[in-house]
């Protein structure tokens, strides 16, 4: 009689290997392009304000609406992924976010541009959960944390492209050619998905589960939400992701240029530093959690503490502008926010069986985007109300961090007990008696 160890392949685990890497890479390429489109407004915020003749509140509405659609779609997308599979959902997502990017390129007015960003957000919402599901279908469970961090790394690479490449195109060839030209990438990944993407390896088909309309949907959502690990994952994602998201998606460039007196080129380099820091820290976090599962919560809370400390130091620095070294530290620390948010999925994943992975991931993924949407709106309103006082406006970050940390501390004990119970049950199930 033997018990399967944590480092061996469990019964029913996907095999992984080169084929898994190839298929998963196609899904990741879709997410890569989606992030380029999602973050394209971050390098075009000042241009958009001039093009559509809008103030800070109206400018923030672009990102708020995009994130509102994204967050609102997370649970429906999770249910769709569980029901339809990855390939179908990714195909729909690519079509929608490519159409949204094209629409934004040719929008003649603020209203049509808003509609285009909403369409883009709808398609973008279908990508990340699908990629997470693809990873669980093609790689062994023990690879889950590293695979998730690598997916996030690909997303940050997309952010890097928008920061470096799209920003130069925008100021070199103009608004419409830059945004319309970038939409070609959507067409390329659509072809890859249609021709080569597979939902799962041969012989690893999931067991069919009945889908019975509204009753099934309610059961999926309720069962996922009852798990403390799902709720803890949501609050970890909520608390860790939004400071960097708000900075990169919209307000970082205006803050660095208008409040800190930097040139656009220097501000762009600092935004790039956030992305590069994210990529390096993502690899470190993935390796640490894969080896030491108990490190999840200390890493998440440590990231929140570091972010709050450096933000506070930057905002209250006793001079007209913070020194460059402090801005560099701020951007480097903000780079940890993305990898820390991925830890939320490492709480939700073991708390739910395979047939609920998409739904649980959708619930978790809502957290950071709800926080980002709320902060984007608050910063825009406070900037207009205070005459562009960024110190007051960015203080909204601390309010949401305090809320998130209180919920994490409230749920951590219950989630840990439930996870231990599941681990014991899993070990019992994997015990086998050798045949006589």
Protein backbone atom coordinates (compact mmCIF):
# COMPACT_ATOMS: atom_id res chain seq x y z
CA UNK A 1 0.00 0.00 0.00
CA UNK A 2 1.45 3.40 -0.97
CA UNK A 3 0.41 7.03 -1.00
CA UNK A 4 1.19 9.18 -4.04
CA UNK A 5 3.62 11.91 -3.13
CA UNK A 6 3.18 15.56 -3.92
CA UNK A 7 5.88 15.38 -6.57
CA UNK A 8 4.57 12.46 -8.63
CA UNK A 9 1.85 12.53 -11.23
CA UNK A 10 -1.57 11.91 -9.78
CA UNK A 11 -4.03 9.54 -11.47
CA UNK A 12 -5.86 11.43 -14.21
CA UNK A 13 -3.24 14.18 -14.34
CA UNK A 14 -2.46 15.45 -17.86
CA UNK A 15 0.98 14.37 -19.10
CA UNK A 16 2.44 17.78 -19.96
CA UNK A 17 5.36 17.70 -22.39
CA UNK A 18 6.18 19.50 -25.64
CA UNK A 19 2.73 19.04 -27.12
CA UNK A 20 1.21 20.67 -24.04
CA UNK A 21 3.63 23.59 -24.29
CA UNK A 22 2.81 24.09 -27.99
CA UNK A 23 -0.97 24.10 -27.51
CA UNK A 24 -0.85 26.17 -24.34
CA UNK A 25 1.40 28.70 -26.10
CA UNK A 26 -1.34 29.36 -28.65
CA UNK A 27 -3.75 30.22 -25.84
CA UNK A 28 -1.13 32.41 -24.22
CA UNK A 29 -0.55 34.24 -27.50
CA UNK A 30 -4.24 35.21 -27.50
CA UNK A 31 -3.89 36.60 -23.98
CA UNK A 32 -0.70 38.41 -25.05
CA UNK A 33 -2.55 40.23 -27.83
CA UNK A 34 -5.55 40.94 -25.59
CA UNK A 35 -3.29 42.68 -23.07
CA UNK A 36 -1.69 44.78 -25.81
CA UNK A 37 -5.16 46.00 -26.76
CA UNK A 38 -6.29 46.38 -23.13
CA UNK A 39 -3.31 48.52 -22.12
CA UNK A 40 -3.06 50.52 -25.34
CA UNK A 41 -5.02 53.35 -23.75
CA UNK A 42 -2.37 53.60 -21.01
CA UNK A 43 0.13 55.06 -23.47
CA UNK A 44 -2.55 57.05 -25.32
CA UNK A 45 -4.37 58.66 -22.39
CA UNK A 46 -3.18 62.21 -23.03
CA UNK A 47 -3.72 61.79 -26.78
CA UNK A 48 -7.25 60.46 -26.17
CA UNK A 49 -8.08 63.44 -23.96
CA UNK A 50 -6.97 65.78 -26.74
CA UNK A 51 -8.60 63.78 -29.56
CA UNK A 52 -12.01 63.53 -27.91
CA UNK A 53 -11.82 66.81 -25.94
CA UNK A 54 -12.53 65.28 -22.52
CA UNK A 55 -11.46 65.94 -18.92
CA UNK A 56 -9.95 63.52 -16.38
CA UNK A 57 -13.28 62.02 -15.28
CA UNK A 58 -14.40 61.40 -18.84
CA UNK A 59 -11.00 59.99 -19.74
CA UNK A 60 -11.17 57.54 -16.83
CA UNK A 61 -14.57 56.40 -18.12
CA UNK A 62 -12.80 54.64 -21.02
CA UNK A 63 -10.93 52.34 -18.68
CA UNK A 64 -13.76 52.11 -16.15
CA UNK A 65 -16.24 50.95 -18.77
CA UNK A 66 -13.72 48.50 -20.21
CA UNK A 67 -13.04 47.05 -16.75
CA UNK A 68 -16.73 47.10 -15.81
CA UNK A 69 -17.50 44.92 -18.80
CA UNK A 70 -14.46 42.74 -18.04
CA UNK A 71 -15.38 42.23 -14.39
CA UNK A 72 -19.06 41.67 -15.15
CA UNK A 73 -18.18 39.01 -17.69
CA UNK A 74 -15.95 36.93 -15.42
CA UNK A 75 -18.55 34.58 -13.94
CA UNK A 76 -20.46 34.15 -17.25
CA UNK A 77 -17.16 33.45 -19.01
CA UNK A 78 -16.16 30.94 -16.33
CA UNK A 79 -19.45 29.13 -16.84
CA UNK A 80 -18.99 29.23 -20.63
CA UNK A 81 -15.49 27.79 -20.36
CA UNK A 82 -16.74 24.97 -18.13
CA UNK A 83 -19.54 24.25 -20.58
CA UNK A 84 -18.16 24.97 -24.07
CA UNK A 85 -14.43 24.47 -23.62
CA UNK A 86 -11.48 26.74 -24.23
CA UNK A 87 -11.33 26.82 -28.03
CA UNK A 88 -14.85 28.11 -28.60
CA UNK A 89 -14.61 30.77 -25.91
CA UNK A 90 -11.19 31.99 -27.08
CA UNK A 91 -12.45 32.21 -30.66
CA UNK A 92 -15.35 34.43 -29.61
CA UNK A 93 -13.00 36.52 -27.48
CA UNK A 94 -10.52 37.15 -30.30
CA UNK A 95 -13.26 38.27 -32.67
CA UNK A 96 -14.68 40.69 -30.11
CA UNK A 97 -11.47 42.31 -28.90
CA UNK A 98 -10.14 42.69 -32.45
CA UNK A 99 -13.38 44.37 -33.52
CA UNK A 100 -13.13 46.64 -30.48
CA UNK A 101 -9.57 47.69 -31.32
CA UNK A 102 -10.53 48.42 -34.91
CA UNK A 103 -13.55 50.40 -33.77
CA UNK A 104 -11.39 52.45 -31.42
CA UNK A 105 -9.01 53.22 -34.27
CA UNK A 106 -11.75 54.71 -36.44
CA UNK A 107 -14.00 56.21 -33.75
CA UNK A 108 -15.04 59.74 -34.76
CA UNK A 109 -16.51 60.64 -31.36
CA UNK A 110 -16.25 59.99 -27.64
CA UNK A 111 -19.44 57.88 -27.67
CA UNK A 112 -18.30 55.48 -30.38
CA UNK A 113 -14.89 55.21 -28.76
CA UNK A 114 -16.57 54.21 -25.48
CA UNK A 115 -18.61 51.55 -27.27
CA UNK A 116 -15.43 50.20 -28.88
CA UNK A 117 -13.64 49.92 -25.53
CA UNK A 118 -16.65 48.09 -24.09
CA UNK A 119 -16.53 45.61 -26.96
CA UNK A 120 -12.79 45.20 -26.43
CA UNK A 121 -13.36 44.57 -22.72
CA UNK A 122 -15.93 41.90 -23.52
CA UNK A 123 -13.50 39.99 -25.72
CA UNK A 124 -10.60 40.52 -23.34
CA UNK A 125 -12.68 39.03 -20.52
CA UNK A 126 -12.78 35.69 -22.33
CA UNK A 127 -9.03 35.19 -22.57
CA UNK A 128 -7.34 34.76 -19.20
CA UNK A 129 -9.78 32.29 -17.64
CA UNK A 130 -9.62 30.26 -20.84
CA UNK A 131 -5.81 30.18 -20.66
CA UNK A 132 -5.93 29.08 -17.01
CA UNK A 133 -8.37 26.29 -17.93
CA UNK A 134 -6.11 25.27 -20.82
CA UNK A 135 -3.19 24.97 -18.40
CA UNK A 136 -5.11 22.70 -16.01
CA UNK A 137 -6.15 20.48 -18.92
CA UNK A 138 -2.66 20.09 -20.40
CA UNK A 139 -0.25 20.19 -17.42
CA UNK A 140 0.00 18.20 -14.16
CA UNK A 141 -1.56 19.86 -11.11
CA UNK A 142 1.84 20.40 -9.44
CA UNK A 143 2.77 22.70 -12.34
CA UNK A 144 -0.29 24.89 -11.75
CA UNK A 145 1.35 27.80 -9.89
CA UNK A 146 4.24 28.09 -12.34
CA UNK A 147 1.99 27.76 -15.41
CA UNK A 148 -0.32 30.49 -14.07
CA UNK A 149 2.60 32.84 -13.38
CA UNK A 150 3.99 32.21 -16.88
CA UNK A 151 0.60 33.11 -18.34
CA UNK A 152 0.68 36.33 -16.35
CA UNK A 153 4.23 36.90 -17.59
CA UNK A 154 3.00 36.68 -21.19
CA UNK A 155 0.38 39.27 -20.36
CA UNK A 156 3.01 41.63 -19.03
CA UNK A 157 5.01 41.07 -22.20
CA UNK A 158 1.94 42.35 -24.04
CA UNK A 159 1.94 45.37 -21.76
CA UNK A 160 5.60 45.90 -22.64
CA UNK A 161 4.76 45.87 -26.34
CA UNK A 162 2.07 48.51 -25.88
CA UNK A 163 4.45 50.63 -23.79
CA UNK A 164 7.41 50.41 -26.18
CA UNK A 165 6.02 49.68 -29.65
CA UNK A 166 2.49 51.05 -29.74
CA UNK A 167 3.54 54.27 -28.02
CA UNK A 168 6.15 54.90 -30.72
CA UNK A 169 3.71 54.03 -33.50
CA UNK A 170 1.13 56.36 -32.02
CA UNK A 171 3.47 59.31 -32.06
CA UNK A 172 5.08 58.31 -35.34
CA UNK A 173 2.23 57.42 -37.71
CA UNK A 174 -0.79 58.72 -35.83
CA UNK A 175 -3.87 57.45 -33.99
CA UNK A 176 -5.80 55.56 -36.67
CA UNK A 177 -2.87 53.75 -38.38
CA UNK A 178 -1.38 52.73 -35.01
CA UNK A 179 -4.57 51.24 -33.55
CA UNK A 180 -5.79 49.74 -36.82
CA UNK A 181 -2.38 48.24 -37.55
CA UNK A 182 -2.22 46.62 -34.15
CA UNK A 183 -5.54 44.88 -34.85
CA UNK A 184 -3.74 42.68 -37.40
CA UNK A 185 -2.32 40.74 -34.46
CA UNK A 186 -5.86 39.74 -33.54
CA UNK A 187 -6.41 38.22 -36.95
CA UNK A 188 -3.16 36.24 -36.67
CA UNK A 189 -4.00 34.64 -33.32
CA UNK A 190 -7.54 33.87 -34.53
CA UNK A 191 -6.08 31.73 -37.31
CA UNK A 192 -3.80 29.93 -34.82
CA UNK A 193 -6.71 29.16 -32.51
CA UNK A 194 -8.94 27.85 -35.29
CA UNK A 195 -6.25 25.65 -36.84
CA UNK A 196 -4.19 24.32 -33.93
CA UNK A 197 -5.79 24.79 -30.49
CA UNK A 198 -7.12 21.69 -28.70
CA UNK A 199 -9.09 21.75 -25.45
CA UNK A 200 -7.30 18.76 -23.91
CA UNK A 201 -4.88 15.93 -24.77
CA UNK A 202 -6.21 12.78 -26.37
CA UNK A 203 -7.33 10.33 -23.74
CA UNK A 204 -7.77 13.07 -21.11
CA UNK A 205 -11.32 14.07 -21.98
CA UNK A 206 -13.17 15.41 -18.94
CA UNK A 207 -16.19 13.52 -17.71
CA UNK A 208 -19.43 14.98 -19.09
CA UNK A 209 -21.45 16.97 -16.59
CA UNK A 210 -25.13 17.83 -17.05
CA UNK A 211 -25.88 21.44 -17.92
CA UNK A 212 -29.46 22.23 -17.08
CA UNK A 213 -30.06 25.90 -17.62
CA UNK A 214 -30.42 28.36 -14.78
CA UNK A 215 -30.44 25.69 -12.08
CA UNK A 216 -27.02 24.43 -13.19
CA UNK A 217 -25.62 27.97 -13.29
CA UNK A 218 -26.86 28.71 -9.78
CA UNK A 219 -25.38 25.48 -8.46
CA UNK A 220 -21.99 26.16 -10.06
CA UNK A 221 -21.77 29.69 -8.70
CA UNK A 222 -23.10 28.78 -5.25
CA UNK A 223 -20.81 25.77 -4.87
CA UNK A 224 -17.75 27.79 -5.90
CA UNK A 225 -18.64 30.70 -3.62
CA UNK A 226 -19.20 28.44 -0.60
CA UNK A 227 -15.56 27.43 -0.73
CA UNK A 228 -13.49 29.74 1.53
CA UNK A 229 -10.56 29.24 -0.85
CA UNK A 230 -12.53 30.83 -3.70
CA UNK A 231 -13.41 33.87 -1.61
CA UNK A 232 -9.89 34.17 -0.26
CA UNK A 233 -8.59 33.99 -3.82
CA UNK A 234 -10.95 36.80 -4.84
CA UNK A 235 -9.76 39.07 -2.01
CA UNK A 236 -6.08 38.32 -2.64
CA UNK A 237 -6.61 39.24 -6.28
CA UNK A 238 -8.63 42.33 -5.26
CA UNK A 239 -5.99 43.63 -2.86
CA UNK A 240 -2.83 42.98 -4.84
CA UNK A 241 -3.58 43.69 -8.49
CA UNK A 242 -5.16 47.12 -8.70
CA UNK A 243 -2.31 49.54 -7.77
CA UNK A 244 -0.23 48.49 -10.78
CA UNK A 245 -3.29 48.08 -13.02
CA UNK A 246 -4.44 51.65 -12.35
CA UNK A 247 -0.90 52.94 -12.88
CA UNK A 248 -0.33 51.11 -16.16
CA UNK A 249 -3.84 51.27 -17.58
CA UNK A 250 -4.37 55.01 -17.31
CA UNK A 251 -3.03 57.21 -14.51
CA UNK A 252 0.68 56.37 -14.40
CA UNK A 253 1.70 58.47 -17.39
CA UNK A 254 -0.27 61.59 -16.36
CA UNK A 255 1.03 61.27 -12.78
CA UNK A 256 4.65 61.06 -13.89
CA UNK A 257 4.35 63.84 -16.47
CA UNK A 258 1.99 66.30 -14.77
CA UNK A 259 2.67 65.70 -11.07
CA UNK A 260 6.34 64.68 -11.20
CA UNK A 261 7.47 66.91 -14.07
CA UNK A 262 9.02 64.15 -16.16
CA UNK A 263 9.14 64.04 -19.94
CA UNK A 264 6.98 61.54 -21.77
CA UNK A 265 10.04 59.56 -22.74
CA UNK A 266 11.24 59.24 -19.15
CA UNK A 267 7.73 58.42 -17.94
CA UNK A 268 7.50 55.73 -20.61
CA UNK A 269 10.77 54.23 -19.37
CA UNK A 270 9.39 54.05 -15.83
CA UNK A 271 6.21 52.36 -17.08
CA UNK A 272 8.46 49.89 -18.86
CA UNK A 273 10.27 49.27 -15.56
CA UNK A 274 6.95 48.24 -13.97
CA UNK A 275 6.46 45.67 -16.71
CA UNK A 276 10.04 44.34 -16.56
CA UNK A 277 9.88 44.08 -12.77
CA UNK A 278 6.60 42.18 -13.10
CA UNK A 279 8.16 39.68 -15.47
CA UNK A 280 11.15 38.99 -13.20
CA UNK A 281 9.12 38.80 -9.99
CA UNK A 282 6.52 36.59 -11.68
CA UNK A 283 9.15 33.94 -12.37
CA UNK A 284 10.41 34.14 -8.78
CA UNK A 285 6.93 33.91 -7.23
CA UNK A 286 5.99 30.98 -9.48
CA UNK A 287 9.08 28.99 -8.48
CA UNK A 288 8.71 29.81 -4.78
CA UNK A 289 5.05 28.80 -4.59
CA UNK A 290 5.63 25.64 -6.64
CA UNK A 291 8.18 24.54 -4.03
CA UNK A 292 6.65 26.07 -0.88
CA UNK A 293 2.87 26.20 -1.01
CA UNK A 294 2.68 27.90 2.39
CA UNK A 295 4.47 30.95 0.95
CA UNK A 296 1.33 32.12 -0.90
CA UNK A 297 -0.16 34.30 1.83
CA UNK A 298 3.12 35.82 3.11
CA UNK A 299 4.01 36.78 -0.47
CA UNK A 300 0.61 38.37 -1.06
CA UNK A 301 0.53 40.33 2.21
CA UNK A 302 4.18 41.31 1.86
CA UNK A 303 3.47 42.73 -1.60
CA UNK A 304 0.55 44.77 -0.26
CA UNK A 305 2.68 46.15 2.60
CA UNK A 306 5.56 47.07 0.27
CA UNK A 307 3.22 48.73 -2.22
CA UNK A 308 1.47 50.80 0.44
CA UNK A 309 4.77 51.87 2.01
CA UNK A 310 6.40 53.04 -1.22
CA UNK A 311 3.22 54.76 -2.47
CA UNK A 312 2.95 56.65 0.82
CA UNK A 313 6.60 57.68 0.68
CA UNK A 314 6.17 58.95 -2.90
CA UNK A 315 2.97 60.90 -2.26
CA UNK A 316 4.11 62.64 0.94
CA UNK A 317 7.72 63.28 -0.08
CA UNK A 318 8.60 66.76 1.29
CA UNK A 319 9.42 68.39 -2.03
CA UNK A 320 7.62 69.47 -5.17
CA UNK A 321 8.71 66.28 -6.97
CA UNK A 322 9.77 62.90 -5.63
CA UNK A 323 13.41 62.04 -6.47
CA UNK A 324 14.07 59.74 -9.37
CA UNK A 325 15.41 56.95 -7.13
CA UNK A 326 12.09 56.85 -5.26
CA UNK A 327 10.08 56.74 -8.48
CA UNK A 328 12.28 53.88 -9.67
CA UNK A 329 11.64 52.00 -6.41
CA UNK A 330 7.90 52.69 -6.74
CA UNK A 331 7.78 51.25 -10.25
CA UNK A 332 9.89 48.25 -9.29
CA UNK A 333 7.59 47.46 -6.35
CA UNK A 334 4.46 47.95 -8.46
CA UNK A 335 5.88 45.21 -10.66
CA UNK A 336 5.15 42.72 -7.87
CA UNK A 337 1.41 43.45 -7.93
CA UNK A 338 0.65 41.29 -10.97
CA UNK A 339 2.50 38.18 -9.74
CA UNK A 340 0.94 38.60 -6.28
CA UNK A 341 -2.55 38.74 -7.80
CA UNK A 342 -1.89 35.40 -9.53
CA UNK A 343 -1.59 33.85 -6.08
CA UNK A 344 -5.34 34.29 -5.74
CA UNK A 345 -5.85 31.51 -8.27
CA UNK A 346 -3.58 29.26 -6.20
CA UNK A 347 -6.12 29.52 -3.37
CA UNK A 348 -9.18 28.98 -5.60
CA UNK A 349 -7.75 26.14 -7.72
CA UNK A 350 -7.33 23.47 -5.01
CA UNK A 351 -10.64 24.46 -3.42
CA UNK A 352 -12.70 23.40 -6.45
CA UNK A 353 -13.04 20.22 -8.55
CA UNK A 354 -12.19 20.28 -12.30
CA UNK A 355 -15.78 20.89 -13.42
CA UNK A 356 -15.86 24.18 -11.45
CA UNK A 357 -12.39 25.52 -12.29
CA UNK A 358 -13.65 28.03 -14.85
CA UNK A 359 -16.37 29.35 -12.58
CA UNK A 360 -14.04 29.62 -9.57
CA UNK A 361 -11.38 31.37 -11.68
CA UNK A 362 -14.01 33.81 -12.93
CA UNK A 363 -15.04 34.70 -9.38
CA UNK A 364 -11.40 35.17 -8.36
CA UNK A 365 -10.54 37.24 -11.41
CA UNK A 366 -13.35 39.67 -10.67
CA UNK A 367 -11.55 40.88 -7.56
CA UNK A 368 -8.68 42.86 -9.00
CA UNK A 369 -10.71 44.32 -11.82
CA UNK A 370 -13.48 45.53 -9.51
CA UNK A 371 -10.79 47.18 -7.36
CA UNK A 372 -9.11 48.67 -10.45
CA UNK A 373 -12.39 49.99 -11.81
CA UNK A 374 -13.28 51.57 -8.46
CA UNK A 375 -9.87 53.20 -8.10
CA UNK A 376 -9.79 54.48 -11.68
CA UNK A 377 -13.11 56.21 -11.08
CA UNK A 378 -12.12 57.56 -7.66
CA UNK A 379 -8.82 58.99 -8.95
CA UNK A 380 -10.54 60.70 -11.89
CA UNK A 381 -13.23 62.26 -9.71
CA UNK A 382 -10.74 63.37 -7.06
CA UNK A 383 -8.43 64.92 -9.65
CA UNK A 384 -11.27 67.01 -11.06
CA UNK A 385 -12.50 67.93 -7.55
CA UNK A 386 -9.07 68.97 -6.24
CA UNK A 387 -7.59 70.66 -9.29
CA UNK A 388 -5.30 67.73 -10.20
CA UNK A 389 -3.98 67.04 -6.69
CA UNK A 390 -2.49 63.59 -7.24
CA UNK A 391 -1.61 63.14 -3.56
CA UNK A 392 -5.26 63.23 -2.54
CA UNK A 393 -6.42 61.33 -5.63
CA UNK A 394 -4.04 58.40 -5.19
CA UNK A 395 -4.92 58.10 -1.49
CA UNK A 396 -7.86 56.00 -2.70
CA UNK A 397 -5.33 53.17 -3.08
CA UNK A 398 -4.93 52.85 0.69
CA UNK A 399 -8.67 52.60 1.34
CA UNK A 400 -9.08 49.60 -0.94
CA UNK A 401 -5.92 47.96 0.35
CA UNK A 402 -7.23 48.20 3.93
CA UNK A 403 -10.56 46.67 2.91
CA UNK A 404 -8.86 43.81 1.09
CA UNK A 405 -6.41 42.99 3.87
CA UNK A 406 -9.23 42.83 6.43
CA UNK A 407 -11.06 40.25 4.31
CA UNK A 408 -7.91 38.20 3.68
CA UNK A 409 -7.21 37.99 7.41
CA UNK A 410 -10.84 37.04 8.07
CA UNK A 411 -10.87 34.16 5.56
CA UNK A 412 -7.36 32.74 5.80
CA UNK A 413 -8.02 30.33 8.70
CA UNK A 414 -11.14 28.79 7.18
CA UNK A 415 -9.51 28.40 3.79
CA UNK A 416 -6.44 26.72 5.29
CA UNK A 417 -8.54 24.22 7.27
CA UNK A 418 -10.65 23.37 4.24
CA UNK A 419 -7.55 22.91 2.08
CA UNK A 420 -5.99 20.55 4.62
CA UNK A 421 -9.20 18.50 4.68
CA UNK A 422 -9.16 18.21 0.89
CA UNK A 423 -5.49 17.23 0.87
CA UNK A 424 -6.12 14.42 3.37
CA UNK A 425 -9.10 13.19 1.34
CA UNK A 426 -7.03 13.31 -1.87
CA UNK A 427 -4.24 11.24 -0.32
CA UNK A 428 -6.69 8.64 0.87
CA UNK A 429 -8.20 8.37 -2.62
CA UNK A 430 -4.78 7.93 -4.24
CA UNK A 431 -3.78 5.06 -1.95
CA UNK A 432 -3.65 1.86 -4.00
CA UNK A 433 -3.19 -1.79 -3.18
CA UNK A 434 -0.84 -3.59 -5.63
CA UNK A 435 -2.56 -6.37 -7.59
CA UNK A 436 -1.90 -9.93 -6.36
